[in-house]
């Protein structure tokens, strides 16, 4: 696994961004998150060592822009060069998530056609309103590998009608002292929708405020992922 951040900085875009950990971390360091800037790791996929070998070894999954949004408008001038690097490395699998799926067709390269084999796009949704808005578009986009990321999930949602050609659905709660609660029943509901459609499901993390069997629990941030794994409900 490798991380690639060709730029840093982001802007809050919808309700799911309310307690964004990137903004919180930047605020503690006195960094303006809304300032989107190119990073020193911009050319990471094609960087080589003295022997001429790629630093990112073949066969890895590369998580792209996980601290920002690959489709953010402020990065328009840099994105085309990123697509060229992605195309140069068909031996790597690139994954990026976006809350800006409505910009997708304006951001793809001319030779995209039905999609690059080595690119997975994850459409992020947090409530029914954003699920209906984003996934109705996502379903029709020319993308070979599609994931749906319901994180942070802040209300019960139904996405069953959007699961055609989706490879994975991920569900997770919000992590913050003031986080909105995650009800375990919402998680199980999405799991059942995935099972009905034969789509992989992953419960990635609990929420800081987690409701199960009508009782609310407060879970330490460091335990959110491990507690979700203990549920053992991945499909």
Protein backbone atom coordinates (compact mmCIF):
# COMPACT_ATOMS: atom_id res chain seq x y z
CA UNK A 1 0.00 0.00 0.00
CA UNK A 2 1.20 3.50 -0.86
CA UNK A 3 -0.17 7.01 -0.33
CA UNK A 4 0.03 9.69 -3.01
CA UNK A 5 -0.86 13.30 -2.22
CA UNK A 6 -0.06 15.44 -5.28
CA UNK A 7 -1.65 18.41 -3.50
CA UNK A 8 -2.89 19.23 -0.03
CA UNK A 9 -5.75 21.33 1.28
CA UNK A 10 -9.49 21.00 0.83
CA UNK A 11 -12.75 22.85 1.40
CA UNK A 12 -15.78 21.64 3.31
CA UNK A 13 -18.40 20.60 0.79
CA UNK A 14 -21.38 18.99 2.52
CA UNK A 15 -22.70 17.79 5.88
CA UNK A 16 -20.22 14.92 5.99
CA UNK A 17 -17.38 17.44 6.22
CA UNK A 18 -18.61 19.07 9.44
CA UNK A 19 -16.03 17.42 11.72
CA UNK A 20 -13.39 16.61 9.09
CA UNK A 21 -10.21 15.33 10.75
CA UNK A 22 -8.05 17.06 8.12
CA UNK A 23 -9.44 20.47 9.03
CA UNK A 24 -9.12 19.73 12.74
CA UNK A 25 -5.51 18.62 12.40
CA UNK A 26 -4.60 21.63 10.29
CA UNK A 27 -6.25 23.99 12.78
CA UNK A 28 -4.07 22.62 15.57
CA UNK A 29 -0.98 23.29 13.45
CA UNK A 30 -2.12 26.73 12.35
CA UNK A 31 -2.45 25.60 8.72
CA UNK A 32 -5.11 27.06 6.40
CA UNK A 33 -6.80 23.97 4.95
CA UNK A 34 -8.61 26.03 2.32
CA UNK A 35 -5.25 26.83 0.69
CA UNK A 36 -4.83 24.09 -1.94
CA UNK A 37 -1.15 23.71 -2.86
CA UNK A 38 0.97 21.31 -4.88
CA UNK A 39 3.17 19.03 -2.76
CA UNK A 40 6.74 17.81 -3.05
CA UNK A 41 5.34 14.30 -3.65
CA UNK A 42 3.54 15.36 -6.81
CA UNK A 43 5.44 12.94 -9.07
CA UNK A 44 5.60 10.05 -6.57
CA UNK A 45 4.25 7.32 -8.94
CA UNK A 46 7.02 7.89 -11.46
CA UNK A 47 9.85 8.81 -9.06
CA UNK A 48 12.86 6.52 -9.45
CA UNK A 49 15.93 5.58 -7.42
CA UNK A 50 19.53 5.82 -8.64
CA UNK A 51 19.19 2.45 -10.36
CA UNK A 52 16.30 3.80 -12.41
CA UNK A 53 13.71 1.69 -10.59
CA UNK A 54 10.36 3.07 -9.55
CA UNK A 55 10.23 3.92 -5.85
CA UNK A 56 6.65 2.67 -5.66
CA UNK A 57 7.02 -1.01 -6.45
CA UNK A 58 4.81 -2.83 -8.94
CA UNK A 59 1.61 -4.44 -7.71
CA UNK A 60 0.81 -1.94 -4.96
CA UNK A 61 -2.47 -0.18 -4.28
CA UNK A 62 -1.99 3.59 -4.26
CA UNK A 63 -4.41 5.67 -2.20
CA UNK A 64 -4.72 8.96 -4.03
CA UNK A 65 -5.68 12.28 -2.41
CA UNK A 66 -6.98 10.78 0.84
CA UNK A 67 -6.43 14.12 2.62
CA UNK A 68 -8.12 16.17 -0.09
CA UNK A 69 -10.35 15.55 -3.14
CA UNK A 70 -8.90 14.52 -6.49
CA UNK A 71 -11.72 16.36 -8.29
CA UNK A 72 -11.48 19.62 -6.35
CA UNK A 73 -11.71 22.58 -8.70
CA UNK A 74 -8.60 24.33 -7.38
CA UNK A 75 -6.44 21.45 -8.66
CA UNK A 76 -7.62 21.62 -12.27
CA UNK A 77 -4.24 22.78 -13.56
CA UNK A 78 -2.42 19.77 -12.06
CA UNK A 79 -4.85 16.91 -12.66
CA UNK A 80 -3.99 16.21 -16.30
CA UNK A 81 -0.37 15.53 -15.36
CA UNK A 82 -1.58 13.16 -12.64
CA UNK A 83 -3.64 11.21 -15.18
CA UNK A 84 -0.50 10.83 -17.32
CA UNK A 85 1.39 9.36 -14.37
CA UNK A 86 -1.49 7.01 -13.60
CA UNK A 87 -1.48 5.85 -17.21
CA UNK A 88 2.30 5.35 -17.09
CA UNK A 89 1.89 2.94 -14.16
CA UNK A 90 -0.65 0.28 -15.26
CA UNK A 91 1.12 -2.02 -12.78
CA UNK A 92 -0.34 -0.03 -9.87
CA UNK A 93 -3.95 0.19 -8.70
CA UNK A 94 -5.04 3.74 -7.90
CA UNK A 95 -8.00 4.51 -5.64
CA UNK A 96 -9.49 7.91 -4.91
CA UNK A 97 -12.63 9.04 -3.09
CA UNK A 98 -14.70 12.08 -3.96
CA UNK A 99 -17.63 14.13 -2.73
CA UNK A 100 -17.56 16.01 -6.04
CA UNK A 101 -18.69 13.27 -8.41
CA UNK A 102 -20.73 15.79 -10.43
CA UNK A 103 -17.37 17.16 -11.68
CA UNK A 104 -16.12 13.78 -12.88
CA UNK A 105 -16.81 14.14 -16.60
CA UNK A 106 -15.09 17.53 -16.58
CA UNK A 107 -11.97 16.08 -14.98
CA UNK A 108 -11.16 12.94 -16.97
CA UNK A 109 -8.51 12.67 -19.71
CA UNK A 110 -9.42 12.54 -23.39
CA UNK A 111 -8.56 8.84 -23.65
CA UNK A 112 -10.61 7.78 -20.63
CA UNK A 113 -13.36 6.14 -22.74
CA UNK A 114 -14.94 3.51 -20.45
CA UNK A 115 -12.32 4.06 -17.77
CA UNK A 116 -8.76 3.05 -16.93
CA UNK A 117 -8.34 -0.55 -15.76
CA UNK A 118 -6.10 0.55 -12.87
CA UNK A 119 -8.39 3.21 -11.36
CA UNK A 120 -11.08 2.70 -8.71
CA UNK A 121 -13.37 5.62 -7.86
CA UNK A 122 -15.13 5.79 -4.52
CA UNK A 123 -18.19 8.03 -4.30
CA UNK A 124 -18.67 9.29 -0.73
CA UNK A 125 -22.16 9.80 0.72
CA UNK A 126 -23.31 10.61 4.25
CA UNK A 127 -27.11 10.90 4.19
CA UNK A 128 -30.03 10.08 1.89
CA UNK A 129 -30.00 13.47 0.21
CA UNK A 130 -26.36 13.18 -0.86
CA UNK A 131 -26.79 9.49 -1.70
CA UNK A 132 -29.61 10.24 -4.13
CA UNK A 133 -27.82 13.24 -5.63
CA UNK A 134 -24.39 11.70 -6.05
CA UNK A 135 -25.18 8.05 -6.69
CA UNK A 136 -27.78 8.78 -9.36
CA UNK A 137 -24.93 10.31 -11.36
CA UNK A 138 -22.29 7.81 -10.24
CA UNK A 139 -24.36 4.90 -11.55
CA UNK A 140 -24.17 6.19 -15.12
CA UNK A 141 -20.55 7.26 -15.23
CA UNK A 142 -17.98 5.37 -17.35
CA UNK A 143 -15.89 3.91 -14.52
CA UNK A 144 -14.62 0.34 -14.54
CA UNK A 145 -14.21 -0.02 -10.78
CA UNK A 146 -16.71 1.67 -8.47
CA UNK A 147 -16.94 1.79 -4.69
CA UNK A 148 -19.49 3.56 -2.49
CA UNK A 149 -18.18 5.02 0.76
CA UNK A 150 -20.86 5.71 3.39
CA UNK A 151 -18.56 7.49 5.83
CA UNK A 152 -19.26 9.33 7.97
CA UNK A 153 -22.77 7.87 7.91
CA UNK A 154 -25.02 10.32 9.77
CA UNK A 155 -28.46 8.86 9.08
CA UNK A 156 -30.14 5.72 7.79
CA UNK A 157 -29.94 5.45 4.00
CA UNK A 158 -31.12 3.14 1.25
CA UNK A 159 -28.72 2.71 -1.66
CA UNK A 160 -29.89 -0.63 -3.06
CA UNK A 161 -31.02 0.79 -6.39
CA UNK A 162 -27.55 2.29 -6.94
CA UNK A 163 -25.56 -0.93 -6.47
CA UNK A 164 -25.32 -2.03 -10.10
CA UNK A 165 -21.66 -2.55 -11.07
CA UNK A 166 -20.45 -1.50 -7.60
CA UNK A 167 -17.60 -3.63 -6.28
CA UNK A 168 -17.54 -2.56 -2.62
CA UNK A 169 -19.59 -0.58 -0.11
CA UNK A 170 -17.81 0.76 2.96
CA UNK A 171 -19.63 2.05 6.05
CA UNK A 172 -18.16 4.03 8.92
CA UNK A 173 -19.10 6.48 11.64
CA UNK A 174 -17.91 9.94 12.55
CA UNK A 175 -14.92 10.45 14.85
CA UNK A 176 -15.15 13.57 16.97
CA UNK A 177 -16.09 14.56 20.50
CA UNK A 178 -19.19 16.23 19.03
CA UNK A 179 -19.74 13.57 16.37
CA UNK A 180 -23.21 12.67 15.24
CA UNK A 181 -24.13 9.16 16.39
CA UNK A 182 -23.91 6.05 14.26
CA UNK A 183 -26.73 3.57 14.82
CA UNK A 184 -25.70 -0.05 14.31
CA UNK A 185 -29.08 -0.75 12.71
CA UNK A 186 -28.15 1.64 9.87
CA UNK A 187 -24.99 -0.39 9.29
CA UNK A 188 -26.88 -3.67 9.24
CA UNK A 189 -29.45 -2.24 6.84
CA UNK A 190 -26.78 -1.33 4.28
CA UNK A 191 -25.19 -4.73 4.77
CA UNK A 192 -28.49 -6.43 3.92
CA UNK A 193 -28.86 -4.26 0.82
CA UNK A 194 -25.41 -5.37 -0.31
CA UNK A 195 -26.10 -9.04 0.37
CA UNK A 196 -29.30 -8.86 -1.70
CA UNK A 197 -27.32 -7.45 -4.63
CA UNK A 198 -24.19 -9.56 -4.17
CA UNK A 199 -21.93 -6.59 -3.44
CA UNK A 200 -18.98 -6.71 -1.05
CA UNK A 201 -19.57 -4.90 2.24
CA UNK A 202 -17.09 -3.60 4.82
CA UNK A 203 -17.86 -2.09 8.22
CA UNK A 204 -14.73 0.04 8.51
CA UNK A 205 -15.18 1.92 11.76
CA UNK A 206 -17.67 2.66 14.52
CA UNK A 207 -18.58 6.22 15.41
CA UNK A 208 -17.35 8.00 18.52
CA UNK A 209 -21.00 7.98 19.56
CA UNK A 210 -22.29 4.53 18.69
CA UNK A 211 -25.82 3.23 19.24
CA UNK A 212 -26.48 -0.49 19.54
CA UNK A 213 -29.65 -2.12 20.87
CA UNK A 214 -30.91 1.30 21.86
CA UNK A 215 -27.92 2.09 24.08
CA UNK A 216 -25.37 4.77 23.23
CA UNK A 217 -21.67 4.10 23.73
CA UNK A 218 -18.76 6.54 23.59
CA UNK A 219 -15.77 4.90 21.90
CA UNK A 220 -12.20 6.17 21.91
CA UNK A 221 -10.99 7.21 18.46
CA UNK A 222 -8.14 4.71 18.56
CA UNK A 223 -10.65 1.88 19.03
CA UNK A 224 -13.14 2.76 16.28
CA UNK A 225 -11.64 0.45 13.66
CA UNK A 226 -10.92 -2.47 15.99
CA UNK A 227 -14.45 -2.38 17.41
CA UNK A 228 -15.91 -2.50 13.91
CA UNK A 229 -13.75 -5.52 13.11
CA UNK A 230 -14.98 -7.28 16.24
CA UNK A 231 -18.52 -7.08 14.85
CA UNK A 232 -17.34 -9.49 12.14
CA UNK A 233 -20.06 -8.52 9.67
CA UNK A 234 -18.02 -7.89 6.52
CA UNK A 235 -19.49 -9.63 3.50
